[in-house]
Protein backbone atom coordinates (compact mmCIF):
# COMPACT_ATOMS: atom_id res chain seq x y z
CA MET A 1 90.12 118.08 276.24
CA LEU A 2 88.23 117.30 279.48
CA GLY A 3 84.85 117.02 277.82
CA GLY A 4 81.88 119.32 277.65
CA THR A 5 80.79 119.18 281.25
CA MET A 6 84.01 120.14 283.02
CA ARG A 7 83.89 123.77 281.94
CA GLN A 8 80.85 124.43 284.20
CA VAL A 9 82.64 123.26 287.36
CA GLY A 10 83.99 126.75 288.09
CA VAL A 11 80.49 128.26 287.99
CA LEU A 12 79.20 125.67 290.44
CA ALA A 13 82.23 126.09 292.69
CA ALA A 14 81.71 129.87 292.73
CA ALA A 15 78.11 129.41 293.88
CA GLY A 16 79.26 127.08 296.66
CA LEU A 17 81.96 129.50 297.80
CA TYR A 18 79.50 132.38 297.85
CA ALA A 19 77.08 130.36 299.97
CA LEU A 20 79.81 129.41 302.45
CA GLU A 21 81.01 132.99 302.73
CA ASN A 22 77.62 134.70 302.94
CA ASN A 23 74.82 132.35 303.97
CA VAL A 24 75.99 129.90 306.64
CA GLU A 25 74.04 131.71 309.39
CA ARG A 26 70.95 131.56 307.17
CA LEU A 27 70.96 127.76 307.41
CA ALA A 28 69.60 127.98 310.97
CA VAL A 29 66.56 129.88 309.64
CA ASP A 30 66.03 127.32 306.87
CA HIS A 31 66.26 124.45 309.36
CA ALA A 32 63.77 126.15 311.70
CA ASN A 33 61.38 126.72 308.78
CA ALA A 34 61.69 123.05 307.81
CA GLU A 35 60.94 121.98 311.37
CA ARG A 36 57.89 124.27 311.42
CA LEU A 37 56.66 122.86 308.11
CA GLY A 38 57.20 119.27 309.23
CA LYS A 39 55.23 119.84 312.43
CA GLY A 40 52.41 121.50 310.50
CA LEU A 41 52.14 118.62 308.04
CA ALA A 42 52.34 116.01 310.81
CA ALA A 43 49.48 117.81 312.59
CA LEU A 44 47.35 117.09 309.50
CA GLY A 45 47.94 113.37 310.01
CA LEU A 46 50.40 113.05 307.14
CA GLN A 47 53.41 110.78 307.47
CA VAL A 48 56.44 113.05 307.97
CA GLU A 49 59.96 111.69 308.39
CA PRO A 50 62.04 113.23 311.19
CA VAL A 51 63.30 116.65 310.06
CA GLN A 52 67.07 116.96 310.42
CA THR A 53 68.05 119.61 307.87
CA ASN A 54 66.22 122.00 305.57
CA MET A 55 64.46 119.09 303.87
CA VAL A 56 61.05 117.73 304.81
CA PHE A 57 60.02 114.32 303.49
CA VAL A 58 56.27 113.77 303.61
CA THR A 59 54.10 111.00 302.21
CA ILE A 60 50.62 111.76 300.94
CA PRO A 61 48.00 109.15 300.02
CA ALA A 62 48.75 107.67 296.59
CA ALA A 63 45.18 108.34 295.43
CA SER A 64 45.75 112.08 296.07
CA VAL A 65 48.87 112.63 293.98
CA GLU A 66 47.29 113.91 290.77
CA GLY A 67 44.71 116.12 292.48
CA PHE A 68 47.25 117.49 294.91
CA ALA A 69 49.66 118.37 292.08
CA LYS A 70 46.91 120.41 290.40
CA HIS A 71 45.95 122.03 293.70
CA VAL A 72 49.45 123.29 294.57
CA ASP A 73 49.96 124.50 291.01
CA ALA A 74 46.71 126.49 291.21
CA GLN A 75 48.01 128.09 294.41
CA GLY A 76 51.21 129.22 292.65
CA ILE A 77 53.42 126.87 294.65
CA LYS A 78 56.28 125.27 292.74
CA MET A 79 56.41 121.64 293.81
CA LEU A 80 57.24 118.44 291.96
CA VAL A 81 54.53 115.93 292.81
CA HIS A 82 55.36 112.75 290.90
CA GLY A 83 54.46 110.24 293.58
CA PRO A 84 53.24 109.97 297.13
CA ARG A 85 56.65 110.68 298.75
CA LEU A 86 57.48 114.37 298.50
CA ARG A 87 60.70 116.19 299.31
CA LEU A 88 60.12 119.79 300.37
CA VAL A 89 63.14 122.06 300.76
CA THR A 90 63.27 125.34 302.65
CA HIS A 91 65.74 127.92 301.36
CA LEU A 92 66.71 131.58 301.15
CA ASP A 93 63.67 132.48 299.04
CA LEU A 94 61.13 130.90 301.41
CA ASP A 95 60.29 132.78 304.60
CA ALA A 96 57.98 131.83 307.51
CA ALA A 97 54.97 133.27 305.67
CA GLY A 98 55.76 131.01 302.71
CA VAL A 99 56.03 128.01 305.01
CA ASP A 100 52.63 128.87 306.47
CA LYS A 101 51.18 129.17 302.94
CA VAL A 102 52.48 125.72 302.02
CA ALA A 103 51.08 124.19 305.23
CA ALA A 104 47.73 125.91 304.66
CA THR A 105 47.65 124.63 301.07
CA PHE A 106 48.16 121.07 302.30
CA ALA A 107 45.46 121.58 304.95
CA ALA A 108 42.96 123.04 302.46
CA PHE A 109 43.45 120.18 300.02
CA PHE A 110 43.22 117.35 302.50
CA ALA A 111 40.23 118.92 304.29
CA LYS A 112 38.44 119.47 300.96
CA SER A 113 39.27 116.10 299.42
CA ALA A 114 38.46 114.16 302.61
CA VAL A 115 41.21 111.69 301.71
CA ALA A 116 42.59 110.25 304.91
CA ALA A 117 46.33 109.90 305.22
CA ASP A 118 47.70 106.43 305.70
């Protein structure tokens, strides 16, 4: 009667309730990891928007997009690289060591490719 998509609302609401009841304190860790990642990427000379939550927005040179997508995939990092502006999100499954791995992967690529950031 309500259409095919309304039946999934309860599943999504349950996930949201669980997060509010069990993971609110964890947000501080995610925000700190995002700040750490943003500072690491900015130190490479990449354009990083101010980090305010657990999301980091970084812009890589447009000429690097395809090569960078292959590079992160080869490192086993799951990242959608469809254009020069990337949104990176820290979360429960990404610890400080993971943040360091992502920053090191960016550093290795941009040092190897010698593509200067705009």
